[in-house]
Protein backbone atom coordinates (compact mmCIF):
# COMPACT_ATOMS: atom_id res chain seq x y z
CA MET A 1 0.16 -0.16 -0.37
CA SER A 2 1.18 2.90 -1.18
CA GLY A 3 2.14 6.11 1.83
CA THR A 4 1.02 8.58 -0.64
CA ALA A 5 -3.10 9.92 0.16
CA SER A 6 -4.87 9.60 -2.83
CA GLN A 7 -5.46 13.03 -4.43
CA PRO A 8 -9.35 14.67 -4.49
CA PRO A 9 -11.30 13.91 -7.36
CA SER A 10 -11.27 17.03 -10.33
CA SER A 11 -7.55 17.42 -8.53
CA THR A 12 -5.40 20.47 -9.53
CA GLY A 13 -2.41 18.07 -8.90
CA SER A 14 -1.18 20.14 -5.81
CA VAL A 15 -2.14 19.56 -2.48
CA LYS A 16 -2.51 23.99 -0.93
CA LEU A 17 -4.44 24.72 -4.37
CA ASP A 18 -6.69 21.71 -3.69
CA ALA A 19 -7.40 22.58 -0.23
CA ILE A 20 -8.18 26.12 -1.33
CA LYS A 21 -10.93 24.88 -3.71
CA GLN A 22 -12.16 22.78 -1.11
CA LYS A 23 -13.08 26.00 0.94
CA VAL A 24 -14.05 28.08 -1.72
CA GLU A 25 -16.67 25.42 -2.65
CA ALA A 26 -17.70 24.63 0.86
CA ALA A 27 -18.17 28.74 1.09
CA ALA A 28 -19.80 28.97 -2.21
CA PRO A 29 -24.01 28.79 -2.12
CA ASN A 30 -25.46 25.54 -3.66
CA LYS A 31 -26.60 26.39 -7.47
CA LEU A 32 -29.81 24.88 -7.70
CA SER A 33 -31.03 23.21 -11.18
CA GLY A 34 -34.01 21.16 -12.55
CA VAL A 35 -36.34 21.04 -11.44
CA ALA A 36 -35.80 23.02 -7.86
CA LEU A 37 -34.67 26.05 -10.15
CA TYR A 38 -37.52 26.10 -12.30
CA SER A 39 -40.09 25.52 -10.00
CA ARG A 40 -38.99 28.42 -8.49
CA PHE A 41 -39.04 30.48 -11.38
CA ALA A 42 -42.31 29.27 -11.55
CA PHE A 43 -43.42 30.44 -8.53
CA ALA A 44 -42.03 33.83 -8.68
CA GLY A 45 -43.98 34.03 -11.89
CA ALA A 46 -46.84 33.31 -11.02
CA VAL A 47 -46.97 35.67 -7.33
CA CYS A 48 -45.46 38.44 -9.90
CA CYS A 49 -48.00 38.30 -12.48
CA SER A 50 -51.02 37.86 -9.98
CA VAL A 51 -50.61 40.61 -7.79
CA THR A 52 -49.59 43.14 -10.32
CA HIS A 53 -52.51 42.19 -12.29
CA GLY A 54 -54.77 42.11 -9.07
CA ALA A 55 -54.23 45.39 -8.12
CA LEU A 56 -54.47 46.75 -10.98
CA THR A 57 -57.90 45.49 -11.49
CA PRO A 58 -59.57 48.79 -11.31
CA VAL A 59 -57.55 50.03 -14.47
CA ASP A 60 -58.16 47.53 -16.53
CA VAL A 61 -62.21 47.17 -15.71
CA VAL A 62 -61.97 51.49 -16.42
CA LYS A 63 -59.53 50.07 -19.72
CA THR A 64 -62.08 47.48 -21.08
CA ARG A 65 -65.22 49.88 -21.33
CA ILE A 66 -63.20 52.33 -22.91
CA GLN A 67 -62.55 49.54 -25.36
CA LEU A 68 -66.05 48.39 -25.41
CA ASP A 69 -67.88 51.32 -24.91
CA PRO A 70 -66.22 54.24 -26.31
CA VAL A 71 -69.36 56.35 -27.09
CA THR A 72 -70.32 56.58 -23.36
CA TYR A 73 -66.30 56.35 -21.72
CA ASN A 74 -65.10 58.89 -23.90
CA ARG A 75 -63.32 60.96 -20.92
CA GLY A 76 -60.03 59.31 -20.36
CA LEU A 77 -58.49 56.88 -17.66
CA ILE A 78 -59.70 59.46 -15.02
CA GLY A 79 -62.78 60.40 -16.22
CA GLY A 80 -63.37 56.92 -16.93
CA PHE A 81 -63.28 55.64 -13.20
CA ARG A 82 -65.53 58.48 -12.14
CA GLN A 83 -68.01 56.89 -14.69
CA VAL A 84 -67.78 53.66 -13.14
CA ILE A 85 -68.15 54.75 -9.54
CA ALA A 86 -70.96 57.32 -10.34
CA ASN A 87 -73.10 54.78 -12.50
CA GLU A 88 -72.12 51.80 -10.47
CA GLY A 89 -70.59 52.24 -7.12
CA ALA A 90 -66.73 52.14 -5.98
CA GLY A 91 -67.28 48.14 -6.15
CA ALA A 92 -67.59 47.99 -9.89
CA LEU A 93 -63.62 48.52 -10.01
CA LEU A 94 -63.22 45.32 -8.67
CA THR A 95 -65.19 43.90 -11.09
CA GLY A 96 -62.82 40.42 -12.29
CA PHE A 97 -60.72 40.21 -9.65
CA GLY A 98 -60.95 36.93 -8.87
CA PRO A 99 -60.87 35.43 -12.73
CA THR A 100 -57.73 38.07 -12.67
CA ALA A 101 -55.52 37.05 -10.28
CA ALA A 102 -56.04 33.00 -10.97
CA GLY A 103 -55.25 33.44 -14.48
CA TYR A 104 -52.70 35.72 -14.36
CA PHE A 105 -51.18 33.71 -11.40
CA LEU A 106 -51.07 30.65 -13.80
CA GLN A 107 -50.01 32.58 -16.92
CA GLY A 108 -47.01 33.68 -14.89
CA ALA A 109 -45.76 30.48 -13.96
CA PHE A 110 -45.77 29.32 -17.43
CA LYS A 111 -44.52 32.61 -18.66
CA PHE A 112 -41.82 32.92 -16.17
CA GLY A 113 -40.82 29.56 -15.98
CA GLY A 114 -41.03 28.88 -19.36
CA TYR A 115 -39.13 31.75 -20.30
CA GLU A 116 -36.22 30.63 -18.39
CA PHE A 117 -36.70 26.95 -19.36
CA PHE A 118 -37.03 27.58 -23.35
CA LYS A 119 -33.92 29.71 -23.17
CA GLN A 120 -31.52 26.97 -20.92
CA GLN A 121 -32.76 24.96 -24.07
CA ALA A 122 -31.60 26.78 -26.79
CA ILE A 123 -28.40 27.66 -24.49
CA THR A 124 -27.58 23.92 -24.72
CA VAL A 125 -28.92 23.37 -27.88
CA LEU A 126 -26.50 26.32 -29.29
CA GLY A 127 -24.08 26.50 -26.65
CA TYR A 128 -22.91 29.38 -24.75
CA GLU A 129 -21.18 31.01 -26.99
CA ASN A 130 -23.56 30.55 -30.13
CA ALA A 131 -26.70 31.73 -27.80
CA SER A 132 -24.50 34.63 -26.76
CA ASN A 133 -24.21 35.88 -29.78
CA ASN A 134 -27.48 35.09 -31.00
CA ARG A 135 -29.16 36.23 -27.68
CA THR A 136 -31.78 38.69 -29.60
CA ALA A 137 -33.26 35.71 -31.57
CA VAL A 138 -33.13 33.23 -28.21
CA TYR A 139 -34.86 35.89 -26.50
CA LEU A 140 -37.82 36.20 -29.31
CA ALA A 141 -37.90 32.52 -29.58
CA SER A 142 -38.02 31.53 -25.86
CA SER A 143 -40.53 34.49 -25.00
CA ALA A 144 -42.98 32.86 -27.66
CA MET A 145 -42.68 29.72 -26.72
CA ALA A 146 -43.49 30.65 -23.17
CA GLU A 147 -46.31 32.27 -23.72
CA PHE A 148 -48.12 30.28 -25.99
CA PHE A 149 -48.78 27.62 -23.06
CA ALA A 150 -49.26 30.40 -20.86
CA ASP A 151 -51.97 31.19 -22.96
CA ILE A 152 -53.24 27.85 -23.15
CA ALA A 153 -53.90 28.29 -18.93
CA LEU A 154 -54.97 32.10 -19.09
CA CYS A 155 -58.07 32.21 -22.08
CA PRO A 156 -60.91 30.43 -19.99
CA LEU A 157 -60.51 32.47 -17.13
CA GLU A 158 -59.69 36.07 -19.54
CA ALA A 159 -62.88 34.79 -21.49
CA THR A 160 -64.77 35.07 -18.21
CA ARG A 161 -62.87 38.51 -16.80
CA ILE A 162 -64.14 39.88 -19.83
CA ARG A 163 -67.42 38.63 -19.63
CA LEU A 164 -67.69 39.96 -15.95
CA VAL A 165 -66.33 43.39 -16.81
CA SER A 166 -68.41 44.02 -19.72
CA ASP A 167 -71.98 43.09 -18.04
CA PRO A 168 -71.75 43.39 -14.55
CA LYS A 169 -74.87 41.60 -14.26
CA PHE A 170 -73.69 38.14 -15.98
CA ALA A 171 -72.61 36.83 -12.52
CA SER A 172 -71.73 37.72 -9.13
CA GLY A 173 -67.63 35.73 -9.58
CA LEU A 174 -65.28 33.78 -10.62
CA ILE A 175 -66.90 30.57 -9.74
CA GLY A 176 -70.58 31.58 -11.05
CA GLY A 177 -69.23 33.27 -14.40
CA PHE A 178 -67.29 30.36 -15.29
CA GLY A 179 -69.99 27.73 -14.86
CA LYS A 180 -72.29 30.11 -16.45
CA ILE A 181 -70.53 30.44 -20.16
CA TYR A 182 -69.75 26.41 -20.22
CA SER A 183 -73.62 25.39 -18.53
CA GLN A 184 -74.63 28.01 -21.67
CA GLU A 185 -72.44 28.16 -24.76
CA GLY A 186 -70.01 24.42 -24.25
CA PHE A 187 -66.17 24.62 -23.09
CA GLY A 188 -65.13 25.84 -26.64
CA ALA A 189 -66.47 29.13 -25.91
CA PHE A 190 -63.73 29.78 -23.34
CA TYR A 191 -61.17 29.55 -26.24
CA SER A 192 -62.94 31.60 -28.76
CA GLY A 193 -60.66 34.21 -27.73
CA PHE A 194 -57.10 32.13 -28.12
CA GLY A 195 -56.75 33.57 -31.63
CA PRO A 196 -56.51 36.96 -29.95
CA ILE A 197 -55.15 35.98 -26.84
CA LEU A 198 -52.17 34.24 -28.77
CA PHE A 199 -52.17 37.66 -31.31
CA LYS A 200 -51.65 40.20 -28.66
CA GLN A 201 -50.18 38.03 -26.29
CA VAL A 202 -47.36 36.61 -28.15
CA PRO A 203 -45.97 40.20 -29.70
CA TYR A 204 -46.45 41.50 -26.13
CA THR A 205 -44.48 39.17 -24.51
CA MET A 206 -41.61 38.69 -26.70
CA ALA A 207 -41.51 42.70 -26.89
CA LYS A 208 -41.67 43.10 -23.02
CA PHE A 209 -39.00 40.38 -22.60
CA VAL A 210 -36.55 41.65 -25.35
CA VAL A 211 -36.70 45.12 -24.21
CA TYR A 212 -36.11 44.60 -20.35
CA GLU A 213 -32.98 42.26 -21.56
CA LYS A 214 -31.72 44.73 -23.64
CA VAL A 215 -32.56 47.87 -21.62
CA ALA A 216 -31.07 46.52 -18.01
CA GLU A 217 -27.77 44.94 -19.82
CA GLN A 218 -27.22 48.71 -21.25
CA VAL A 219 -27.67 49.59 -17.84
CA TYR A 220 -25.49 46.89 -16.15
CA ALA A 221 -23.14 47.21 -18.93
CA ASN A 222 -22.33 51.43 -18.91
CA PHE A 223 -24.08 52.48 -15.09
CA VAL A 224 -23.93 49.96 -12.83
CA ASP A 225 -21.29 47.10 -11.68
CA LYS A 226 -24.04 44.01 -11.45
CA SER A 227 -21.22 42.20 -9.27
CA THR A 228 -21.16 44.73 -6.40
CA ALA A 229 -24.37 46.22 -7.03
CA SER A 230 -26.62 46.07 -3.60
CA ALA A 231 -29.96 44.01 -3.75
CA GLY A 232 -32.04 47.38 -3.45
CA MET A 233 -29.87 48.86 -6.89
CA ASN A 234 -30.99 45.19 -8.84
CA THR A 235 -34.58 46.23 -7.80
CA ALA A 236 -34.63 49.76 -9.42
CA VAL A 237 -32.93 48.31 -12.65
CA ASN A 238 -35.27 45.41 -12.78
CA LEU A 239 -38.15 48.77 -12.05
CA GLY A 240 -36.91 51.09 -14.36
CA SER A 241 -36.28 48.17 -17.72
CA GLY A 242 -39.58 46.95 -16.76
CA LEU A 243 -41.10 50.22 -17.02
CA ILE A 244 -39.76 50.61 -21.22
CA ALA A 245 -40.47 47.37 -21.57
CA GLY A 246 -43.98 47.79 -20.58
CA PHE A 247 -44.60 50.56 -22.79
CA ALA A 248 -42.87 48.69 -25.97
CA ALA A 249 -44.99 45.71 -25.28
CA ALA A 250 -48.44 47.59 -24.68
CA ILE A 251 -47.89 49.51 -28.12
CA VAL A 252 -47.01 46.26 -30.26
CA SER A 253 -49.96 44.52 -28.87
CA GLN A 254 -52.86 47.10 -28.37
CA PRO A 255 -54.73 46.09 -31.60
CA ALA A 256 -55.11 42.91 -30.15
CA ASP A 257 -56.28 43.41 -27.17
CA THR A 258 -58.85 45.37 -28.25
CA MET A 259 -60.15 42.84 -30.20
CA LEU A 260 -60.07 40.37 -27.42
CA SER A 261 -62.52 42.53 -25.65
CA LYS A 262 -64.62 42.71 -28.38
CA ILE A 263 -64.57 38.73 -29.33
CA ASN A 264 -65.66 38.13 -25.88
CA LYS A 265 -68.10 40.93 -24.96
CA THR A 266 -70.82 38.39 -26.34
CA LYS A 267 -71.07 35.09 -28.03
CA GLY A 268 -71.35 34.77 -31.96
CA LEU A 269 -74.07 34.05 -33.92
CA PRO A 270 -75.09 31.00 -35.02
CA GLY A 271 -72.71 29.38 -37.29
CA GLU A 272 -70.87 31.93 -37.19
CA GLY A 273 -66.84 31.03 -36.75
CA THR A 274 -63.99 32.58 -34.42
CA THR A 275 -61.61 33.92 -37.92
CA SER A 276 -64.82 35.18 -39.43
CA ARG A 277 -66.08 37.19 -36.37
CA LEU A 278 -62.36 38.65 -36.25
CA ILE A 279 -62.19 39.99 -39.60
CA LYS A 280 -65.68 41.42 -39.21
CA ILE A 281 -64.49 43.55 -35.87
CA ALA A 282 -60.96 44.33 -37.57
CA LYS A 283 -63.10 45.82 -40.43
CA GLU A 284 -65.48 47.49 -37.71
CA LEU A 285 -62.22 49.29 -35.56
CA GLY A 286 -60.16 50.46 -38.18
CA ILE A 287 -56.23 51.66 -37.56
CA ARG A 288 -58.06 54.32 -34.89
CA GLY A 289 -59.93 52.07 -33.31
CA SER A 290 -58.09 49.43 -32.50
CA TYR A 291 -55.94 51.66 -30.34
CA THR A 292 -58.75 53.14 -28.24
CA GLY A 293 -57.76 53.05 -24.69
CA LEU A 294 -53.87 52.99 -25.25
CA GLY A 295 -53.33 56.14 -22.94
CA ALA A 296 -55.05 53.75 -20.36
CA ARG A 297 -53.06 50.61 -20.98
CA LEU A 298 -49.94 52.40 -21.35
CA PHE A 299 -50.42 53.19 -17.51
CA MET A 300 -51.58 49.83 -16.96
CA VAL A 301 -48.51 47.70 -18.54
CA GLY A 302 -46.14 50.34 -18.09
CA THR A 303 -46.96 49.84 -14.42
CA LEU A 304 -47.60 46.17 -14.03
CA THR A 305 -44.40 44.87 -15.97
CA ALA A 306 -41.81 47.27 -14.02
CA GLY A 307 -43.99 45.58 -10.83
CA GLN A 308 -43.26 42.26 -12.81
CA PHE A 309 -39.84 42.34 -12.99
CA ALA A 310 -39.24 43.64 -9.54
CA ILE A 311 -41.19 40.88 -7.69
CA TYR A 312 -40.12 38.45 -9.78
CA GLY A 313 -35.98 39.30 -9.34
CA ASP A 314 -37.02 39.96 -6.08
CA ILE A 315 -38.59 36.63 -5.22
CA LYS A 316 -35.48 34.67 -7.17
CA ARG A 317 -33.29 36.39 -4.53
CA VAL A 318 -35.02 35.07 -1.68
CA LEU A 319 -35.67 31.42 -2.80
CA GLY A 320 -32.37 31.39 -3.88
CA ALA A 321 -32.87 30.91 -7.62
CA THR A 322 -29.41 31.76 -8.91
CA GLY A 323 -28.84 28.95 -11.60
CA GLY A 324 -29.86 30.40 -14.24
CA VAL A 325 -27.44 30.93 -17.43
CA GLU A 326 -27.37 34.32 -18.06
CA ILE A 327 -26.17 35.38 -21.87
CA ALA A 328 -25.94 38.77 -22.26
CA LYS A 329 -22.55 40.20 -22.55
């Protein structure tokens, strides 16, 4: 038996260096991976979307009323608040809170968790260097795929929300509205707006993540040292980058958002397909009409997107979800 001690796995060849390496590795936090990591991404995304969309339910109510009845609600965002309160009471501003909070909890989990997952898959397939050099394409593809699955989860609850907001007498809340649509119109009614919601949400999410990533990248490259930035500074960067991303996403997706509100307001005529309904609505709206309510939506989307990225980043940090791969240069 040899008197020399066996070297540890992945040895550097030097006992002293091995000892230093082991101390560093012992002190470093364990990086998460697999289900442990992506479940944290999904949870952080679910919370940030549910909280922000739920908190902005009153703005969404006014925005939807402006889109569905621009003749009556023609006084802008602040005037719209006053009209809703005067006509129906302050409680009407929380119409659709249940389906909003529940729907965006599910959507946020798929959107943020899926984005991180698909981004990692792209890195695995392309290799880190190629993914970094083509990161805009990676961001676009990852966000589009994540949003597709997120919309499958969101669509029935969004249809219920819009029906409740457009017709306050339709039902008393999420369970009642969901059940009434199902019993009267069947399961397919929940997905009558799936085309518009994809048309709205996929470009929205692509713009949201790409603009956020690009703005944050420029801030860290030119103004803030990410390696030494405090938690508060990182939250501020997330807020600012998210605000700009929200404005871009709102402008890109506004026409489809208006069409989604219109198609979910009432059920179609007998034998009328979704595509024909969309074409008819698009012709009726025109370019100008499709941007009805943009001011309210810019405020709403800018605020909630800034909040989402700030909350998402903070929850990830608290949960120790630090195993994601960043490809920004």
